[in-house]
Amino acid sequence: MPGENEKSIMNGLVILVTGASSGIGHSIASHLALKGYLVIGTSRNSQSSREPFSWEILNVESQTSVQNCIKRIISQHKRIDVVINNAGMGMISSLEEAPMHSIEQVLNTNLMGVVRITQAVLPHMRAQENGKIINISSIAGLMGLPYRSIYSASKFAVEGLTESLRTEVRKFGIEVCTLQPGSILTDIQANRASYIPAESAYNPELIDVERIINEEVSSGIPAKMVALAVERILRKKRLDSKYVVAKPFQKLVTTIQRLLPSSTFERMLMRHYDIKS
């Protein structure tokens, strides 16, 4: 396996992947490192050194943690060429019953974490006159999914942020996009701020929706598919605004949503999750 200096020479890119301790982030960081890129993965806590990439401790909810992490990377490697904003958390709950602290945590991680990292790296990318920022969003950022209002809201916000940012930074040679995974085979429940009280006024629908989501995840595509998509994006000179990585049916749903009247698509979505009107 190539050492860090050899990796840098091979591909000339320094890549930062947030939320690399598990799931999609770990798959992306591992895959790119094994392809010869110099990859720095981040996590809230220290991790095993047995990975093919190096580690930095980073809490995307902390401005100080973000700034210190970026300073360390720049000090060591002199540049950051690619940022993959992957750190995030899910949530299942009715909006009415969602605890405010959970709402704030999801938005702080999924949206403000992206903002903090992006603000910290942009001055360095401007100085380099190039860079790529890939924001890992979700199909839930393209359509409001039932009982995932907060999660969808956070990802919709990332989509809007990315669309705006693209137009601001292109003149500096910086490309930005979102990548929207569908159902991915990961232990997503381990990082989900869900609230499903037994006495919820929204049961049994809420319980059934969680079951359907878990079934979709357990039969989802491997996280490696997202890593392969990221690798393809890195090879592009000009990035499109959005890329979807999902099973064919879920990809089709994103197309159908754009074509159908919103009321028709809403009824289809409710039938899929067996939600009564």
Protein backbone atom coordinates (compact mmCIF):
# COMPACT_ATOMS: atom_id res chain seq x y z
CA MET A 1 0.00 0.00 0.00
CA PRO A 2 1.45 3.42 -0.93
CA GLY A 3 2.58 5.71 1.88
CA GLU A 4 1.20 9.21 2.36
CA ASN A 5 3.91 10.96 0.34
CA GLU A 6 3.51 8.49 -2.52
CA LYS A 7 -0.25 8.95 -2.45
CA SER A 8 0.10 12.70 -2.72
CA ILE A 9 2.44 12.33 -5.70
CA MET A 10 0.17 9.78 -7.38
CA ASN A 11 -2.98 11.90 -7.41
CA GLY A 12 -1.97 15.34 -6.18
CA LEU A 13 -5.16 15.77 -4.17
CA VAL A 14 -5.65 16.22 -0.45
CA ILE A 15 -9.18 15.10 0.44
CA LEU A 16 -11.08 15.79 3.65
CA VAL A 17 -14.02 13.51 4.49
CA THR A 18 -16.16 14.41 7.50
CA GLY A 19 -18.03 11.72 9.44
CA ALA A 20 -15.63 9.00 8.31
CA SER A 21 -15.91 6.69 11.31
CA SER A 22 -18.73 4.60 9.85
CA GLY A 23 -21.23 4.15 7.04
CA ILE A 24 -21.00 6.22 3.88
CA GLY A 25 -18.16 8.41 5.15
CA HIS A 26 -15.98 5.46 6.08
CA SER A 27 -16.62 3.81 2.74
CA ILE A 28 -15.73 6.98 0.82
CA ALA A 29 -12.55 7.63 2.82
CA SER A 30 -11.36 4.02 2.59
CA HIS A 31 -12.09 3.67 -1.12
CA LEU A 32 -10.37 6.91 -2.11
CA ALA A 33 -7.35 6.16 0.08
CA LEU A 34 -6.96 2.72 -1.50
CA LYS A 35 -7.14 4.40 -4.91
CA GLY A 36 -4.07 6.41 -3.94
CA TYR A 37 -5.53 9.70 -2.80
CA LEU A 38 -4.25 11.37 0.36
CA VAL A 39 -7.36 11.21 2.53
CA ILE A 40 -8.00 12.71 5.96
CA GLY A 41 -11.08 11.30 7.66
CA THR A 42 -12.67 13.02 10.62
CA SER A 43 -14.59 11.84 13.65
CA ARG A 44 -15.68 13.28 17.00
CA ASN A 45 -13.46 10.76 18.76
CA SER A 46 -10.05 9.23 18.07
CA GLN A 47 -10.16 6.17 15.82
CA SER A 48 -8.04 3.15 14.92
CA SER A 49 -4.84 3.88 13.01
CA ARG A 50 -5.34 0.70 10.98
CA GLU A 51 -7.31 2.52 8.29
CA PRO A 52 -5.75 3.35 4.91
CA PHE A 53 -6.38 7.03 5.61
CA SER A 54 -5.30 9.37 8.42
CA TRP A 55 -7.56 10.75 11.16
CA GLU A 56 -8.37 14.15 12.56
CA ILE A 57 -10.69 14.71 15.52
CA LEU A 58 -13.46 17.06 14.43
CA ASN A 59 -16.86 18.01 15.80
CA VAL A 60 -18.76 19.79 13.03
CA GLU A 61 -21.06 21.32 15.65
CA SER A 62 -18.17 23.32 17.10
CA GLN A 63 -16.74 26.36 15.32
CA THR A 64 -13.51 26.07 17.32
CA SER A 65 -13.12 22.38 16.50
CA VAL A 66 -13.65 23.06 12.79
CA GLN A 67 -11.18 25.94 12.66
CA ASN A 68 -8.51 24.03 14.57
CA CYS A 69 -8.90 20.95 12.38
CA ILE A 70 -8.57 22.92 9.14
CA LYS A 71 -5.54 24.77 10.50
CA ARG A 72 -3.84 21.47 11.36
CA ILE A 73 -4.47 20.04 7.91
CA ILE A 74 -3.23 23.17 6.13
CA SER A 75 -0.17 23.28 8.37
CA GLN A 76 0.72 19.69 7.52
CA HIS A 77 -0.34 19.40 3.87
CA LYS A 78 -0.36 23.05 2.73
CA ARG A 79 -3.67 22.63 0.91
CA ILE A 80 -7.11 21.03 0.85
CA ASP A 81 -8.26 20.13 -2.64
CA VAL A 82 -11.52 18.31 -1.97
CA VAL A 83 -14.00 18.47 0.89
CA ILE A 84 -16.70 15.83 1.23
CA ASN A 85 -19.23 17.11 3.75
CA ASN A 86 -20.67 13.79 4.88
CA ALA A 87 -21.15 14.15 8.66
CA GLY A 88 -24.85 13.99 9.44
CA MET A 89 -27.62 12.36 11.41
CA GLY A 90 -31.12 11.16 10.68
CA MET A 91 -34.39 11.70 12.47
CA ILE A 92 -37.83 10.10 12.47
CA SER A 93 -40.62 11.84 14.36
CA SER A 94 -43.81 13.73 13.87
CA LEU A 95 -43.03 17.43 13.71
CA GLU A 96 -45.51 18.16 16.49
CA GLU A 97 -43.84 15.81 18.95
CA ALA A 98 -40.19 16.28 17.95
CA PRO A 99 -38.07 17.40 20.93
CA MET A 100 -36.54 20.81 20.31
CA HIS A 101 -33.07 19.66 21.40
CA SER A 102 -33.18 16.89 18.78
CA ILE A 103 -34.35 19.32 16.10
CA GLU A 104 -31.50 21.68 16.92
CA GLN A 105 -28.95 18.87 16.94
CA VAL A 106 -29.99 17.59 13.50
CA LEU A 107 -29.95 21.08 11.97
CA ASN A 108 -26.67 21.93 13.70
CA THR A 109 -25.02 18.81 12.32
CA ASN A 110 -26.57 18.46 8.88
CA LEU A 111 -26.72 22.12 7.89
CA MET A 112 -24.53 24.23 10.14
CA GLY A 113 -21.78 21.60 10.05
CA VAL A 114 -21.65 22.03 6.27
CA VAL A 115 -21.61 25.82 6.68
CA ARG A 116 -18.77 25.75 9.23
CA ILE A 117 -16.56 23.43 7.20
CA THR A 118 -17.22 25.27 3.94
CA GLN A 119 -16.49 28.69 5.40
CA ALA A 120 -13.24 27.36 6.87
CA VAL A 121 -11.91 25.84 3.63
CA LEU A 122 -13.02 28.42 1.06
CA PRO A 123 -10.23 30.95 1.76
CA HIS A 124 -7.65 28.22 1.13
CA MET A 125 -9.38 27.02 -2.04
CA ARG A 126 -9.58 30.60 -3.32
CA ALA A 127 -5.86 31.01 -2.71
CA GLN A 128 -5.23 27.76 -4.63
CA GLU A 129 -7.64 28.91 -7.37
CA ASN A 130 -9.25 25.47 -7.42
CA GLY A 131 -11.13 23.00 -5.26
CA LYS A 132 -14.15 20.73 -5.09
CA ILE A 133 -16.81 20.58 -2.39
CA ILE A 134 -19.18 17.60 -2.44
CA ASN A 135 -22.07 17.89 -0.02
CA ILE A 136 -23.65 14.54 0.82
CA SER A 137 -27.36 15.28 0.82
CA SER A 138 -30.18 12.75 0.39
CA ILE A 139 -33.17 11.95 -1.76
CA ALA A 140 -34.99 13.40 1.27
CA GLY A 141 -33.49 16.73 0.19
CA LEU A 142 -35.44 16.52 -3.07
CA MET A 143 -38.85 15.63 -1.61
CA GLY A 144 -40.45 16.08 1.79
CA LEU A 145 -40.77 12.62 3.29
CA PRO A 146 -43.42 11.84 5.92
CA TYR A 147 -42.24 11.79 9.54
CA ARG A 148 -38.82 13.00 8.40
CA SER A 149 -39.69 16.70 8.28
CA ILE A 150 -36.63 17.88 10.20
CA TYR A 151 -34.23 15.63 8.32
CA SER A 152 -35.77 16.65 4.99
CA ALA A 153 -35.62 20.30 6.02
CA SER A 154 -31.91 20.01 6.80
CA LYS A 155 -31.18 18.38 3.46
CA PHE A 156 -33.40 20.80 1.51
CA ALA A 157 -31.34 23.56 3.12
CA VAL A 158 -28.10 21.89 2.01
CA GLU A 159 -29.48 21.70 -1.53
CA GLY A 160 -30.32 25.41 -1.54
CA LEU A 161 -27.01 26.35 0.03
CA THR A 162 -25.14 24.34 -2.60
CA GLU A 163 -27.04 25.83 -5.52
CA SER A 164 -26.28 29.35 -4.30
CA LEU A 165 -22.66 28.60 -3.46
CA ARG A 166 -21.97 27.19 -6.93
CA THR A 167 -22.70 30.57 -8.50
CA GLU A 168 -20.58 32.44 -5.96
CA VAL A 169 -17.34 30.49 -6.16
CA ARG A 170 -17.06 29.20 -9.72
CA LYS A 171 -15.04 32.29 -10.72
CA PHE A 172 -12.39 31.17 -8.22
CA GLY A 173 -12.07 27.75 -9.86
CA ILE A 174 -14.10 26.03 -7.12
CA GLU A 175 -16.74 23.46 -8.07
CA VAL A 176 -19.59 22.49 -5.73
CA CYS A 177 -22.30 19.83 -5.95
CA THR A 178 -24.61 17.66 -3.89
CA LEU A 179 -24.73 13.89 -3.98
CA GLN A 180 -28.08 12.41 -2.98
CA PRO A 181 -28.02 8.81 -1.78
CA GLY A 182 -31.21 6.83 -1.61
CA SER A 183 -31.51 3.90 0.78
CA ILE A 184 -27.98 2.79 1.65
CA LEU A 185 -27.14 -0.37 3.56
CA THR A 186 -25.67 1.17 6.74
CA ASP A 187 -26.33 1.12 10.45
CA ILE A 188 -28.22 4.40 10.16
CA GLN A 189 -30.22 3.71 13.33
CA ALA A 190 -27.01 4.14 15.34
CA ASN A 191 -26.94 7.81 14.35
CA ARG A 192 -30.60 8.71 14.26
CA ALA A 193 -32.29 11.20 16.61
CA SER A 194 -35.71 9.58 16.44
CA TYR A 195 -38.63 10.17 18.77
CA ILE A 196 -41.45 7.62 18.56
CA PRO A 197 -43.35 7.60 21.86
CA ALA A 198 -45.71 4.68 22.39
CA GLU A 199 -48.53 7.11 23.17
CA SER A 200 -47.98 9.22 20.05
CA ALA A 201 -51.13 10.59 18.45
CA TYR A 202 -49.57 9.62 15.11
CA ASN A 203 -49.38 5.90 15.82
CA PRO A 204 -49.64 3.35 14.34
CA GLU A 205 -48.55 5.28 11.22
CA LEU A 206 -45.37 6.57 12.83
CA ILE A 207 -44.32 3.09 13.94
CA ASP A 208 -45.15 1.67 10.50
CA VAL A 209 -43.15 4.38 8.70
CA GLU A 210 -40.10 3.64 10.85
CA ARG A 211 -40.46 -0.06 9.99
CA ILE A 212 -40.70 0.72 6.26
CA ILE A 213 -37.64 3.00 6.44
CA ASN A 214 -35.63 0.34 8.25
CA GLU A 215 -36.65 -2.27 5.68
CA GLU A 216 -35.61 0.03 2.84
CA VAL A 217 -32.23 0.61 4.49
CA SER A 218 -31.67 -3.11 5.17
CA SER A 219 -32.25 -3.81 1.46
CA GLY A 220 -30.39 -0.71 0.28
CA ILE A 221 -27.40 -0.52 -2.01
CA PRO A 222 -23.90 -0.87 -0.50
CA ALA A 223 -22.18 2.28 0.74
CA LYS A 224 -19.38 1.41 -1.70
CA MET A 225 -21.68 2.59 -4.50
CA VAL A 226 -21.61 6.09 -3.03
CA ALA A 227 -17.82 5.92 -2.79
CA LEU A 228 -17.60 4.95 -6.46
CA ALA A 229 -19.87 7.85 -7.38
CA VAL A 230 -17.63 10.24 -5.46
CA GLU A 231 -14.58 8.89 -7.30
CA ARG A 232 -16.30 9.55 -10.64
CA ILE A 233 -17.18 13.09 -9.56
CA LEU A 234 -13.55 13.78 -8.62
CA ARG A 235 -12.51 12.98 -12.18
CA LYS A 236 -14.88 15.57 -13.69
CA LYS A 237 -13.61 19.02 -14.64
CA ARG A 238 -17.06 20.64 -14.45
CA LEU A 239 -19.53 19.36 -11.88
CA ASP A 240 -23.27 19.16 -12.35
CA SER A 241 -25.36 20.53 -9.51
CA LYS A 242 -26.78 17.20 -8.33
CA TYR A 243 -25.99 13.50 -8.52
CA VAL A 244 -28.33 10.72 -7.33
CA VAL A 245 -27.01 7.35 -6.12
CA ALA A 246 -29.84 4.92 -5.48
CA LYS A 247 -31.64 1.84 -6.66
CA PRO A 248 -33.25 2.25 -10.12
CA PHE A 249 -36.72 2.58 -8.58
CA GLN A 250 -35.66 5.40 -6.28
CA LYS A 251 -33.91 7.17 -9.14
CA LEU A 252 -37.11 6.84 -11.13
CA VAL A 253 -39.08 8.38 -8.25
CA THR A 254 -36.91 11.51 -8.36
CA THR A 255 -37.72 11.85 -12.07
CA ILE A 256 -41.42 11.20 -11.55
CA GLN A 257 -41.54 13.88 -8.88
CA ARG A 258 -40.30 16.50 -11.36
CA LEU A 259 -42.85 15.47 -13.98
CA LEU A 260 -46.04 14.93 -11.98
CA PRO A 261 -48.27 17.59 -10.42
CA SER A 262 -47.26 17.99 -6.77
CA SER A 263 -50.67 16.81 -5.49
CA THR A 264 -50.44 13.61 -7.54
CA PHE A 265 -46.94 12.84 -6.33
CA GLU A 266 -47.98 13.53 -2.75
CA ARG A 267 -50.76 10.94 -3.00
CA MET A 268 -48.27 8.40 -4.39
CA LEU A 269 -45.91 9.08 -1.51
CA MET A 270 -48.67 8.65 1.05
CA ARG A 271 -49.72 5.34 -0.50
CA HIS A 272 -46.13 4.11 -0.42
CA TYR A 273 -45.94 4.74 3.34
CA ASP A 274 -49.57 3.67 3.92
CA ILE A 275 -50.53 7.07 5.32
CA LYS A 276 -54.23 7.85 5.53
CA SER A 277 -55.57 11.16 4.30
